[in-house]
PDB file of N, CA and C in Angstrom:
ATOM      1  N   UNK A   1    -143.255-104.680 -88.499  1.00  0.00           N
ATOM      2  CA  UNK A   1    -144.601-105.469 -88.034  1.00  0.00           C
ATOM      3  C   UNK A   1    -145.398-104.089 -87.924  1.00  0.00           C
ATOM      4  N   UNK A   2    -145.021-102.996 -87.404  1.00  0.00           N
ATOM      5  CA  UNK A   2    -145.892-101.931 -87.291  1.00  0.00           C
ATOM      6  C   UNK A   2    -146.421-101.353 -88.474  1.00  0.00           C
ATOM      7  N   UNK A   3    -145.475-101.010 -89.483  1.00  0.00           N
ATOM      8  CA  UNK A   3    -145.807-100.833 -90.916  1.00  0.00           C
ATOM      9  C   UNK A   3    -146.791-101.681 -91.492  1.00  0.00           C
ATOM     10  N   UNK A   4    -146.618-102.789 -91.341  1.00  0.00           N
ATOM     11  CA  UNK A   4    -147.586-103.762 -92.060  1.00  0.00           C
ATOM     12  C   UNK A   4    -148.961-103.735 -91.456  1.00  0.00           C
ATOM     13  N   UNK A   5    -148.997-103.598 -90.087  1.00  0.00           N
ATOM     14  CA  UNK A   5    -150.347-103.358 -89.495  1.00  0.00           C
ATOM     15  C   UNK A   5    -150.885-102.150 -89.840  1.00  0.00           C
ATOM     16  N   UNK A   6    -150.050-100.912 -89.959  1.00  0.00           N
ATOM     17  CA  UNK A   6    -150.749 -99.568 -90.211  1.00  0.00           C
ATOM     18  C   UNK A   6    -151.026 -99.808 -91.907  1.00  0.00           C
ATOM     19  N   UNK A   7    -150.525-100.462 -92.567  1.00  0.00           N
ATOM     20  CA  UNK A   7    -150.822-100.519 -94.074  1.00  0.00           C
ATOM     21  C   UNK A   7    -152.388-100.984 -94.126  1.00  0.00           C
ATOM     22  N   UNK A   8    -152.513-102.165 -93.216  1.00  0.00           N
ATOM     23  CA  UNK A   8    -153.860-102.795 -93.032  1.00  0.00           C
ATOM     24  C   UNK A   8    -154.853-101.800 -92.866  1.00  0.00           C
ATOM     25  N   UNK A   9    -154.433-101.297 -91.746  1.00  0.00           N
ATOM     26  CA  UNK A   9    -155.564-100.049 -91.169  1.00  0.00           C
ATOM     27  C   UNK A   9    -155.697 -99.116 -92.150  1.00  0.00           C
ATOM     28  N   UNK A  10    -154.937 -98.865 -93.039  1.00  0.00           N
ATOM     29  CA  UNK A  10    -155.017 -97.496 -93.952  1.00  0.00           C
ATOM     30  C   UNK A  10    -155.823 -97.925 -95.091  1.00  0.00           C
ATOM     31  N   UNK A  11    -155.319 -99.352 -95.499  1.00  0.00           N
ATOM     32  CA  UNK A  11    -155.765 -99.664 -96.835  1.00  0.00           C
ATOM     33  C   UNK A  11    -157.061-100.423 -96.890  1.00  0.00           C
ATOM     34  N   UNK A  12    -157.415-101.119 -95.832  1.00  0.00           N
ATOM     35  CA  UNK A  12    -158.682-101.733 -95.636  1.00  0.00           C
ATOM     36  C   UNK A  12    -159.785-101.157 -94.884  1.00  0.00           C
ATOM     37  N   UNK A  13    -159.153-100.529 -93.697  1.00  0.00           N
ATOM     38  CA  UNK A  13    -160.139 -99.871 -92.896  1.00  0.00           C
ATOM     39  C   UNK A  13    -160.370 -98.359 -92.923  1.00  0.00           C
ATOM     40  N   UNK A  14    -159.644 -97.880 -93.832  1.00  0.00           N
ATOM     41  CA  UNK A  14    -159.541 -96.558 -94.208  1.00  0.00           C
ATOM     42  C   UNK A  14    -159.388 -95.405 -92.969  1.00  0.00           C
ATOM     43  N   UNK A  15    -158.215 -95.954 -92.199  1.00  0.00           N
ATOM     44  CA  UNK A  15    -158.013 -95.142 -91.409  1.00  0.00           C
ATOM     45  C   UNK A  15    -156.889 -94.220 -91.759  1.00  0.00           C
ATOM     46  N   UNK A  16    -156.884 -92.831 -91.240  1.00  0.00           N
ATOM     47  CA  UNK A  16    -156.018 -91.747 -91.680  1.00  0.00           C
ATOM     48  C   UNK A  16    -154.463 -92.139 -91.204  1.00  0.00           C
ATOM     49  N   UNK A  17    -153.597 -92.181 -91.940  1.00  0.00           N
ATOM     50  CA  UNK A  17    -152.276 -92.680 -91.698  1.00  0.00           C
ATOM     51  C   UNK A  17    -151.668 -91.876 -90.602  1.00  0.00           C
ATOM     52  N   UNK A  18    -151.795 -90.606 -90.513  1.00  0.00           N
ATOM     53  CA  UNK A  18    -151.375 -89.688 -89.388  1.00  0.00           C
ATOM     54  C   UNK A  18    -151.800 -89.899 -87.963  1.00  0.00           C
ATOM     55  N   UNK A  19    -152.928 -90.494 -88.118  1.00  0.00           N
ATOM     56  CA  UNK A  19    -153.433 -90.942 -86.578  1.00  0.00           C
ATOM     57  C   UNK A  19    -152.834 -92.231 -86.126  1.00  0.00           C
ATOM     58  N   UNK A  20    -152.180 -93.094 -86.903  1.00  0.00           N
ATOM     59  CA  UNK A  20    -151.646 -94.247 -86.450  1.00  0.00           C
ATOM     60  C   UNK A  20    -150.147 -94.111 -85.871  1.00  0.00           C
ATOM     61  N   UNK A  21    -150.313 -94.228 -84.633  1.00  0.00           N
ATOM     62  CA  UNK A  21    -148.872 -94.383 -83.993  1.00  0.00           C
ATOM     63  C   UNK A  21    -148.782 -95.403 -82.881  1.00  0.00           C
ATOM     64  N   UNK A  22    -147.872 -96.007 -82.473  1.00  0.00           N
ATOM     65  CA  UNK A  22    -147.794 -97.017 -81.525  1.00  0.00           C
ATOM     66  C   UNK A  22    -148.532 -96.784 -80.164  1.00  0.00           C
ATOM     67  N   UNK A  23    -148.576 -95.294 -79.927  1.00  0.00           N
ATOM     68  CA  UNK A  23    -149.264 -95.019 -78.519  1.00  0.00           C
ATOM     69  C   UNK A  23    -150.748 -94.741 -78.821  1.00  0.00           C
ATOM     70  N   UNK A  24    -151.220 -94.832 -80.140  1.00  0.00           N
ATOM     71  CA  UNK A  24    -152.702 -94.371 -80.388  1.00  0.00           C
ATOM     72  C   UNK A  24    -153.559 -95.409 -79.863  1.00  0.00           C
ATOM     73  N   UNK A  25    -154.753 -95.023 -79.177  1.00  0.00           N
ATOM     74  CA  UNK A  25    -155.908 -96.026 -78.787  1.00  0.00           C
ATOM     75  C   UNK A  25    -156.756 -96.278 -79.953  1.00  0.00           C
ATOM     76  N   UNK A  26    -157.570 -97.167 -79.620  1.00  0.00           N
ATOM     77  CA  UNK A  26    -158.739 -97.470 -80.760  1.00  0.00           C
ATOM     78  C   UNK A  26    -159.579 -96.284 -80.837  1.00  0.00           C
ATOM     79  N   UNK A  27    -159.960 -95.604 -79.827  1.00  0.00           N
ATOM     80  CA  UNK A  27    -160.470 -94.218 -80.087  1.00  0.00           C
ATOM     81  C   UNK A  27    -159.842 -93.297 -80.846  1.00  0.00           C
ATOM     82  N   UNK A  28    -158.634 -93.158 -80.741  1.00  0.00           N
ATOM     83  CA  UNK A  28    -157.616 -92.213 -81.415  1.00  0.00           C
ATOM     84  C   UNK A  28    -157.926 -92.380 -82.950  1.00  0.00           C
ATOM     85  N   UNK A  29    -157.820 -93.785 -83.301  1.00  0.00           N
ATOM     86  CA  UNK A  29    -157.850 -93.989 -84.800  1.00  0.00           C
ATOM     87  C   UNK A  29    -159.239 -94.513 -85.170  1.00  0.00           C
ATOM     88  N   UNK A  30    -159.914 -94.167 -84.410  1.00  0.00           N
ATOM     89  CA  UNK A  30    -161.626 -94.212 -84.660  1.00  0.00           C
ATOM     90  C   UNK A  30    -162.180 -95.698 -85.151  1.00  0.00           C
ATOM     91  N   UNK A  31    -161.575 -96.681 -84.377  1.00  0.00           N
ATOM     92  CA  UNK A  31    -161.987 -98.046 -84.584  1.00  0.00           C
ATOM     93  C   UNK A  31    -163.190 -98.423 -83.725  1.00  0.00           C
ATOM     94  N   UNK A  32    -164.290 -98.599 -84.387  1.00  0.00           N
ATOM     95  CA  UNK A  32    -165.224 -99.187 -83.342  1.00  0.00           C
ATOM     96  C   UNK A  32    -165.113-100.832 -83.335  1.00  0.00           C
ATOM     97  N   UNK A  33    -166.163-101.234 -82.665  1.00  0.00           N
ATOM     98  CA  UNK A  33    -166.053-102.894 -82.440  1.00  0.00           C
ATOM     99  C   UNK A  33    -166.296-103.498 -83.651  1.00  0.00           C
ATOM    100  N   UNK A  34    -167.068-102.921 -84.478  1.00  0.00           N
ATOM    101  CA  UNK A  34    -167.165-103.757 -85.786  1.00  0.00           C
ATOM    102  C   UNK A  34    -165.942-103.816 -86.583  1.00  0.00           C
ATOM    103  N   UNK A  35    -165.270-102.722 -86.451  1.00  0.00           N
ATOM    104  CA  UNK A  35    -163.917-102.469 -87.291  1.00  0.00           C
ATOM    105  C   UNK A  35    -162.994-103.523 -86.769  1.00  0.00           C
ATOM    106  N   UNK A  36    -162.876-103.727 -85.480  1.00  0.00           N
ATOM    107  CA  UNK A  36    -162.050-104.679 -84.830  1.00  0.00           C
ATOM    108  C   UNK A  36    -162.376-106.236 -85.045  1.00  0.00           C
ATOM    109  N   UNK A  37    -163.627-106.565 -85.208  1.00  0.00           N
ATOM    110  CA  UNK A  37    -164.029-107.680 -85.745  1.00  0.00           C
ATOM    111  C   UNK A  37    -163.509-107.968 -87.152  1.00  0.00           C
ATOM    112  N   UNK A  38    -163.802-106.867 -88.049  1.00  0.00           N
ATOM    113  CA  UNK A  38    -163.123-106.893 -89.497  1.00  0.00           C
ATOM    114  C   UNK A  38    -161.655-106.992 -89.511  1.00  0.00           C
ATOM    115  N   UNK A  39    -160.837-106.330 -88.440  1.00  0.00           N
ATOM    116  CA  UNK A  39    -159.581-106.457 -88.335  1.00  0.00           C
ATOM    117  C   UNK A  39    -159.032-107.889 -88.086  1.00  0.00           C
ATOM    118  N   UNK A  40    -159.587-108.588 -87.091  1.00  0.00           N
ATOM    119  CA  UNK A  40    -159.486-109.805 -86.503  1.00  0.00           C
ATOM    120  C   UNK A  40    -159.522-110.770 -87.903  1.00  0.00           C
ATOM    121  N   UNK A  41    -160.336-110.615 -88.691  1.00  0.00           N
ATOM    122  CA  UNK A  41    -160.690-111.550 -89.782  1.00  0.00           C
ATOM    123  C   UNK A  41    -159.622-111.193 -90.867  1.00  0.00           C
ATOM    124  N   UNK A  42    -159.208-109.889 -90.824  1.00  0.00           N
ATOM    125  CA  UNK A  42    -158.052-109.767 -91.976  1.00  0.00           C
ATOM    126  C   UNK A  42    -156.749-110.074 -91.255  1.00  0.00           C
ATOM    127  N   UNK A  43    -156.509-110.031 -90.232  1.00  0.00           N
ATOM    128  CA  UNK A  43    -155.392-110.748 -89.607  1.00  0.00           C
ATOM    129  C   UNK A  43    -155.124-112.073 -89.931  1.00  0.00           C
ATOM    130  N   UNK A  44    -156.220-112.826 -89.943  1.00  0.00           N
ATOM    131  CA  UNK A  44    -156.296-114.055 -90.299  1.00  0.00           C
ATOM    132  C   UNK A  44    -156.252-114.541 -91.835  1.00  0.00           C
ATOM    133  N   UNK A  45    -156.972-113.808 -92.420  1.00  0.00           N
ATOM    134  CA  UNK A  45    -156.663-114.129 -93.915  1.00  0.00           C
ATOM    135  C   UNK A  45    -155.614-113.576 -94.653  1.00  0.00           C
ATOM    136  N   UNK A  46    -154.933-112.387 -94.236  1.00  0.00           N
ATOM    137  CA  UNK A  46    -153.898-111.952 -94.946  1.00  0.00           C
ATOM    138  C   UNK A  46    -152.502-112.253 -94.173  1.00  0.00           C
ATOM    139  N   UNK A  47    -152.504-112.629 -93.035  1.00  0.00           N
ATOM    140  CA  UNK A  47    -151.197-112.740 -92.272  1.00  0.00           C
ATOM    141  C   UNK A  47    -151.343-114.380 -91.771  1.00  0.00           C
ATOM    142  N   UNK A  48    -152.408-114.818 -91.695  1.00  0.00           N
ATOM    143  CA  UNK A  48    -152.541-116.190 -91.078  1.00  0.00           C
ATOM    144  C   UNK A  48    -152.258-116.166 -89.489  1.00  0.00           C
ATOM    145  N   UNK A  49    -152.638-115.083 -88.795  1.00  0.00           N
ATOM    146  CA  UNK A  49    -152.753-114.824 -87.593  1.00  0.00           C
ATOM    147  C   UNK A  49    -154.125-115.156 -86.929  1.00  0.00           C
ATOM    148  N   UNK A  50    -154.271-116.004 -85.824  1.00  0.00           N
ATOM    149  CA  UNK A  50    -155.565-116.130 -85.030  1.00  0.00           C
ATOM    150  C   UNK A  50    -155.503-115.115 -83.850  1.00  0.00           C
ATOM    151  N   UNK A  51    -155.820-113.917 -83.919  1.00  0.00           N
ATOM    152  CA  UNK A  51    -156.207-113.124 -82.867  1.00  0.00           C
ATOM    153  C   UNK A  51    -157.611-112.783 -83.057  1.00  0.00           C
ATOM    154  N   UNK A  52    -158.423-113.208 -81.617  1.00  0.00           N
ATOM    155  CA  UNK A  52    -159.715-112.860 -81.549  1.00  0.00           C
ATOM    156  C   UNK A  52    -159.935-111.300 -81.547  1.00  0.00           C
ATOM    157  N   UNK A  53    -161.054-110.815 -81.860  1.00  0.00           N
ATOM    158  CA  UNK A  53    -161.662-109.549 -81.815  1.00  0.00           C
ATOM    159  C   UNK A  53    -161.563-109.155 -80.130  1.00  0.00           C
ATOM    160  N   UNK A  54    -161.890-110.077 -79.366  1.00  0.00           N
ATOM    161  CA  UNK A  54    -161.877-109.735 -77.937  1.00  0.00           C
ATOM    162  C   UNK A  54    -160.466-109.494 -77.447  1.00  0.00           C
ATOM    163  N   UNK A  55    -159.399-109.989 -77.878  1.00  0.00           N
ATOM    164  CA  UNK A  55    -157.945-109.778 -77.652  1.00  0.00           C
ATOM    165  C   UNK A  55    -157.513-108.388 -78.313  1.00  0.00           C
ATOM    166  N   UNK A  56    -158.063-108.251 -79.395  1.00  0.00           N
ATOM    167  CA  UNK A  56    -157.687-106.807 -80.121  1.00  0.00           C
ATOM    168  C   UNK A  56    -158.372-105.903 -79.243  1.00  0.00           C
ATOM    169  N   UNK A  57    -159.536-105.951 -78.891  1.00  0.00           N
ATOM    170  CA  UNK A  57    -160.325-104.969 -77.907  1.00  0.00           C
ATOM    171  C   UNK A  57    -159.701-104.665 -76.470  1.00  0.00           C
ATOM    172  N   UNK A  58    -159.033-105.712 -75.990  1.00  0.00           N
ATOM    173  CA  UNK A  58    -158.275-105.648 -74.747  1.00  0.00           C
ATOM    174  C   UNK A  58    -157.104-104.944 -74.847  1.00  0.00           C
ATOM    175  N   UNK A  59    -156.509-104.855 -75.861  1.00  0.00           N
ATOM    176  CA  UNK A  59    -154.954-104.183 -76.441  1.00  0.00           C
ATOM    177  C   UNK A  59    -155.280-102.667 -76.255  1.00  0.00           C
ATOM    178  N   UNK A  60    -154.561-101.856 -75.216  1.00  0.00           N
ATOM    179  CA  UNK A  60    -154.993-100.588 -75.101  1.00  0.00           C
ATOM    180  C   UNK A  60    -154.512 -99.496 -76.123  1.00  0.00           C
ATOM    181  N   UNK A  61    -153.610 -99.955 -76.944  1.00  0.00           N
ATOM    182  CA  UNK A  61    -152.859 -99.244 -78.030  1.00  0.00           C
ATOM    183  C   UNK A  61    -152.697 -99.946 -79.243  1.00  0.00           C
ATOM    184  N   UNK A  62    -152.475 -99.227 -80.245  1.00  0.00           N
ATOM    185  CA  UNK A  62    -151.870 -99.949 -81.546  1.00  0.00           C
ATOM    186  C   UNK A  62    -150.799-100.766 -81.279  1.00  0.00           C
ATOM    187  N   UNK A  63    -149.705-100.057 -80.482  1.00  0.00           N
ATOM    188  CA  UNK A  63    -148.513-100.851 -79.950  1.00  0.00           C
ATOM    189  C   UNK A  63    -148.722-102.177 -79.466  1.00  0.00           C
ATOM    190  N   UNK A  64    -149.780-102.137 -78.600  1.00  0.00           N
ATOM    191  CA  UNK A  64    -150.275-103.428 -77.937  1.00  0.00           C
ATOM    192  C   UNK A  64    -150.724-104.617 -78.969  1.00  0.00           C
ATOM    193  N   UNK A  65    -151.549-103.967 -80.031  1.00  0.00           N
ATOM    194  CA  UNK A  65    -152.038-104.903 -81.017  1.00  0.00           C
ATOM    195  C   UNK A  65    -150.868-105.498 -81.729  1.00  0.00           C
ATOM    196  N   UNK A  66    -149.809-104.545 -82.011  1.00  0.00           N
ATOM    197  CA  UNK A  66    -148.751-104.926 -82.825  1.00  0.00           C
ATOM    198  C   UNK A  66    -147.990-106.058 -81.904  1.00  0.00           C
ATOM    199  N   UNK A  67    -147.907-105.644 -80.728  1.00  0.00           N
ATOM    200  CA  UNK A  67    -147.197-106.845 -79.759  1.00  0.00           C
ATOM    201  C   UNK A  67    -147.958-108.232 -79.756  1.00  0.00           C
ATOM    202  N   UNK A  68    -149.150-108.027 -79.802  1.00  0.00           N
ATOM    203  CA  UNK A  68    -149.947-109.460 -79.970  1.00  0.00           C
ATOM    204  C   UNK A  68    -149.698-110.201 -81.257  1.00  0.00           C
ATOM    205  N   UNK A  69    -149.504-109.368 -82.379  1.00  0.00           N
ATOM    206  CA  UNK A  69    -149.292-109.885 -83.727  1.00  0.00           C
ATOM    207  C   UNK A  69    -147.833-110.656 -83.509  1.00  0.00           C
ATOM    208  N   UNK A  70    -146.886-109.919 -82.862  1.00  0.00           N
ATOM    209  CA  UNK A  70    -145.594-110.410 -82.864  1.00  0.00           C
ATOM    210  C   UNK A  70    -145.475-111.791 -82.014  1.00  0.00           C
ATOM    211  N   UNK A  71    -146.323-111.734 -80.968  1.00  0.00           N
ATOM    212  CA  UNK A  71    -146.410-112.856 -79.920  1.00  0.00           C
ATOM    213  C   UNK A  71    -146.749-114.289 -80.810  1.00  0.00           C
ATOM    214  N   UNK A  72    -147.667-113.855 -81.633  1.00  0.00           N
ATOM    215  CA  UNK A  72    -148.585-114.918 -82.622  1.00  0.00           C
ATOM    216  C   UNK A  72    -147.712-115.354 -83.662  1.00  0.00           C
ATOM    217  N   UNK A  73    -146.480-114.643 -83.897  1.00  0.00           N
ATOM    218  CA  UNK A  73    -145.658-115.214 -84.947  1.00  0.00           C
ATOM    219  C   UNK A  73    -145.792-114.617 -86.335  1.00  0.00           C
ATOM    220  N   UNK A  74    -146.203-113.411 -86.542  1.00  0.00           N
ATOM    221  CA  UNK A  74    -146.518-112.742 -87.965  1.00  0.00           C
ATOM    222  C   UNK A  74    -145.179-112.636 -88.394  1.00  0.00           C
ATOM    223  N   UNK A  75    -145.133-112.866 -89.640  1.00  0.00           N
ATOM    224  CA  UNK A  75    -143.703-113.039 -90.435  1.00  0.00           C
ATOM    225  C   UNK A  75    -143.940-111.462 -91.299  1.00  0.00           C
ATOM    226  N   UNK A  76    -143.071-110.635 -91.291  1.00  0.00           N
ATOM    227  CA  UNK A  76    -142.939-109.505 -92.219  1.00  0.00           C
ATOM    228  C   UNK A  76    -142.826-110.042 -93.907  1.00  0.00           C
TER     229      UNK A  76
END
């Protein structure tokens, strides 16, 4: 799941792959609130997951975002 999330960040939001670790915060990977809204929409369209931008903003780290995806039943 982490790798799938990482590819979305790299391919769609142009985040540098070396910045993305499970411990990385949104600030570490340079995601602003607009990027988070876009990410929420991508999770819906690409993976069929409904995770609001507010929920993603509340997630402290990339690992927490991935955990949210797993809770919502994302399939690899």
